[in-house]
Amino acid sequence: MKWIDTSIGMWFLALLSLNIFDILITTPAWEANPVTLYLWGKIGIFLSASLKIGLVLLLGGLCQLARMVATPTEWALSRKVLKGILVVLVAFYAFVGVWNTIILGLATF
């Protein structure tokens, strides 16, 4: 099987869409993350959601900045590191999205 080399942009868009999906399907009554509950209590759900999306956009901006300032040799290593970070975050948000979907489905019964 041939490995398809995917771009960082595709992983970033997957992370951004999964982050928005997570925000949309999170049920506050079933939230178990104490950091999220603390943030919701201090700054509210909507500001917390925009902060979450803003952090993902900041990561995308940092990826673009690294691409602009890095030499081709440096970019090869930077690309692998940034892609690894994005893959881990996408896997995490995919798990969280599936988990929240299951919880949301169980809560409606």
C-alpha atoms as a PDB file:
ATOM      1  CA  MET A   1       0.000   0.000   0.000  1.00  0.00           C
ATOM      2  CA  LYS A   2       1.364   3.382  -0.948  1.00  0.00           C
ATOM      3  CA  TRP A   3       1.375   6.080   1.742  1.00  0.00           C
ATOM      4  CA  ILE A   4      -0.330   9.264   0.593  1.00  0.00           C
ATOM      5  CA  ASP A   5       1.449  12.359   1.820  1.00  0.00           C
ATOM      6  CA  THR A   6      -1.260  14.720   3.051  1.00  0.00           C
ATOM      7  CA  SER A   7      -0.823  18.429   3.532  1.00  0.00           C
ATOM      8  CA  ILE A   8      -0.840  20.307   6.784  1.00  0.00           C
ATOM      9  CA  GLY A   9      -3.740  22.400   5.468  1.00  0.00           C
ATOM     10  CA  MET A  10      -5.973  19.353   5.203  1.00  0.00           C
ATOM     11  CA  TRP A  11      -5.198  18.337   8.794  1.00  0.00           C
ATOM     12  CA  PHE A  12      -5.773  21.907   9.959  1.00  0.00           C
ATOM     13  CA  LEU A  13      -9.182  22.082   8.279  1.00  0.00           C
ATOM     14  CA  ALA A  14     -10.091  18.708   9.784  1.00  0.00           C
ATOM     15  CA  LEU A  15      -9.079  19.998  13.227  1.00  0.00           C
ATOM     16  CA  LEU A  16     -11.051  23.219  12.805  1.00  0.00           C
ATOM     17  CA  SER A  17     -14.188  21.417  11.634  1.00  0.00           C
ATOM     18  CA  LEU A  18     -13.954  18.829  14.424  1.00  0.00           C
ATOM     19  CA  ASN A  19     -13.455  21.620  16.954  1.00  0.00           C
ATOM     20  CA  ILE A  20     -16.588  23.387  15.743  1.00  0.00           C
ATOM     21  CA  PHE A  21     -18.461  20.054  15.700  1.00  0.00           C
ATOM     22  CA  ASP A  22     -17.349  19.436  19.298  1.00  0.00           C
ATOM     23  CA  ILE A  23     -18.622  22.848  20.362  1.00  0.00           C
ATOM     24  CA  LEU A  24     -21.979  22.260  18.695  1.00  0.00           C
ATOM     25  CA  ILE A  25     -22.652  18.827  20.200  1.00  0.00           C
ATOM     26  CA  THR A  26     -21.280  19.328  23.708  1.00  0.00           C
ATOM     27  CA  THR A  27     -24.024  18.973  26.288  1.00  0.00           C
ATOM     28  CA  PRO A  28     -23.214  21.126  29.339  1.00  0.00           C
ATOM     29  CA  ALA A  29     -25.133  18.831  31.682  1.00  0.00           C
ATOM     30  CA  TRP A  30     -22.897  15.880  30.735  1.00  0.00           C
ATOM     31  CA  GLU A  31     -19.524  17.671  30.609  1.00  0.00           C
ATOM     32  CA  ALA A  32     -16.901  15.867  32.682  1.00  0.00           C
ATOM     33  CA  ASN A  33     -13.843  18.015  31.957  1.00  0.00           C
ATOM     34  CA  PRO A  34     -13.196  20.168  35.034  1.00  0.00           C
ATOM     35  CA  VAL A  35     -11.166  22.718  33.058  1.00  0.00           C
ATOM     36  CA  THR A  36     -14.045  23.240  30.639  1.00  0.00           C
ATOM     37  CA  LEU A  37     -16.521  23.547  33.486  1.00  0.00           C
ATOM     38  CA  TYR A  38     -14.269  26.089  35.199  1.00  0.00           C
ATOM     39  CA  LEU A  39     -13.953  28.126  31.996  1.00  0.00           C
ATOM     40  CA  TRP A  40     -17.697  28.017  31.431  1.00  0.00           C
ATOM     41  CA  GLY A  41     -18.241  29.232  34.976  1.00  0.00           C
ATOM     42  CA  LYS A  42     -15.747  32.083  34.689  1.00  0.00           C
ATOM     43  CA  ILE A  43     -16.146  33.387  31.125  1.00  0.00           C
ATOM     44  CA  GLY A  44     -19.276  31.711  29.797  1.00  0.00           C
ATOM     45  CA  ILE A  45     -19.913  29.072  27.164  1.00  0.00           C
ATOM     46  CA  PHE A  46     -19.879  31.348  24.118  1.00  0.00           C
ATOM     47  CA  LEU A  47     -16.647  33.146  25.016  1.00  0.00           C
ATOM     48  CA  SER A  48     -15.056  29.804  25.870  1.00  0.00           C
ATOM     49  CA  ALA A  49     -16.096  28.418  22.474  1.00  0.00           C
ATOM     50  CA  SER A  50     -14.672  31.411  20.644  1.00  0.00           C
ATOM     51  CA  LEU A  51     -11.458  31.065  22.669  1.00  0.00           C
ATOM     52  CA  LYS A  52     -11.233  27.411  21.609  1.00  0.00           C
ATOM     53  CA  ILE A  53     -11.723  28.255  17.939  1.00  0.00           C
ATOM     54  CA  GLY A  54      -9.276  31.143  18.277  1.00  0.00           C
ATOM     55  CA  LEU A  55      -6.584  28.833  19.612  1.00  0.00           C
ATOM     56  CA  VAL A  56      -7.013  26.511  16.638  1.00  0.00           C
ATOM     57  CA  LEU A  57      -6.780  29.487  14.286  1.00  0.00           C
ATOM     58  CA  LEU A  58      -3.647  30.638  16.124  1.00  0.00           C
ATOM     59  CA  LEU A  59      -2.099  27.207  15.558  1.00  0.00           C
ATOM     60  CA  GLY A  60      -2.922  27.524  11.854  1.00  0.00           C
ATOM     61  CA  GLY A  61      -1.310  30.960  11.782  1.00  0.00           C
ATOM     62  CA  LEU A  62       1.789  29.589  13.465  1.00  0.00           C
ATOM     63  CA  CYS A  63       1.966  26.821  10.847  1.00  0.00           C
ATOM     64  CA  GLN A  64       1.823  29.455   8.093  1.00  0.00           C
ATOM     65  CA  LEU A  65       4.430  31.602   9.827  1.00  0.00           C
ATOM     66  CA  ALA A  66       6.756  28.627  10.228  1.00  0.00           C
ATOM     67  CA  ARG A  67       6.380  27.862   6.534  1.00  0.00           C
ATOM     68  CA  MET A  68       7.243  31.432   5.548  1.00  0.00           C
ATOM     69  CA  VAL A  69      10.322  31.848   7.750  1.00  0.00           C
ATOM     70  CA  ALA A  70      11.818  28.355   7.538  1.00  0.00           C
ATOM     71  CA  THR A  71      14.379  27.333   4.974  1.00  0.00           C
ATOM     72  CA  PRO A  72      13.518  24.263   2.865  1.00  0.00           C
ATOM     73  CA  THR A  73      15.683  22.069   5.084  1.00  0.00           C
ATOM     74  CA  GLU A  74      14.132  23.431   8.276  1.00  0.00           C
ATOM     75  CA  TRP A  75      10.656  23.202   6.771  1.00  0.00           C
ATOM     76  CA  ALA A  76      11.013  19.467   6.186  1.00  0.00           C
ATOM     77  CA  LEU A  77      11.477  18.845   9.915  1.00  0.00           C
ATOM     78  CA  SER A  78       9.016  21.549  10.981  1.00  0.00           C
ATOM     79  CA  ARG A  79       6.381  20.111   8.655  1.00  0.00           C
ATOM     80  CA  LYS A  80       6.737  16.656  10.198  1.00  0.00           C
ATOM     81  CA  VAL A  81       6.495  18.041  13.743  1.00  0.00           C
ATOM     82  CA  LEU A  82       3.505  20.287  12.996  1.00  0.00           C
ATOM     83  CA  LYS A  83       1.763  17.529  11.075  1.00  0.00           C
ATOM     84  CA  GLY A  84       2.289  15.150  14.004  1.00  0.00           C
ATOM     85  CA  ILE A  85       0.761  17.673  16.397  1.00  0.00           C
ATOM     86  CA  LEU A  86      -2.210  18.181  14.076  1.00  0.00           C
ATOM     87  CA  VAL A  87      -2.745  14.424  13.636  1.00  0.00           C
ATOM     88  CA  VAL A  88      -2.810  13.910  17.413  1.00  0.00           C
ATOM     89  CA  LEU A  89      -5.246  16.809  17.888  1.00  0.00           C
ATOM     90  CA  VAL A  90      -7.502  15.561  15.083  1.00  0.00           C
ATOM     91  CA  ALA A  91      -7.534  12.079  16.639  1.00  0.00           C
ATOM     92  CA  PHE A  92      -8.382  13.571  20.032  1.00  0.00           C
ATOM     93  CA  TYR A  93     -11.230  15.711  18.687  1.00  0.00           C
ATOM     94  CA  ALA A  94     -12.545  12.799  16.622  1.00  0.00           C
ATOM     95  CA  PHE A  95     -12.689  10.715  19.811  1.00  0.00           C
ATOM     96  CA  VAL A  96     -14.341  13.562  21.730  1.00  0.00           C
ATOM     97  CA  GLY A  97     -16.856  14.098  18.924  1.00  0.00           C
ATOM     98  CA  VAL A  98     -17.800  10.425  18.827  1.00  0.00           C
ATOM     99  CA  TRP A  99     -18.024  10.307  22.618  1.00  0.00           C
ATOM    100  CA  ASN A 100     -20.224  13.423  22.773  1.00  0.00           C
ATOM    101  CA  THR A 101     -22.434  12.017  20.026  1.00  0.00           C
ATOM    102  CA  ILE A 102     -22.896   8.796  22.013  1.00  0.00           C
ATOM    103  CA  ILE A 103     -23.631  10.740  25.210  1.00  0.00           C
ATOM    104  CA  LEU A 104     -26.051  13.005  23.344  1.00  0.00           C
ATOM    105  CA  GLY A 105     -27.788   9.938  21.883  1.00  0.00           C
ATOM    106  CA  LEU A 106     -28.075   8.308  25.300  1.00  0.00           C
ATOM    107  CA  ALA A 107     -29.367  11.526  26.859  1.00  0.00           C
ATOM    108  CA  THR A 108     -32.237  11.695  24.397  1.00  0.00           C
ATOM    109  CA  PHE A 109     -33.601   8.278  25.335  1.00  0.00           C
END
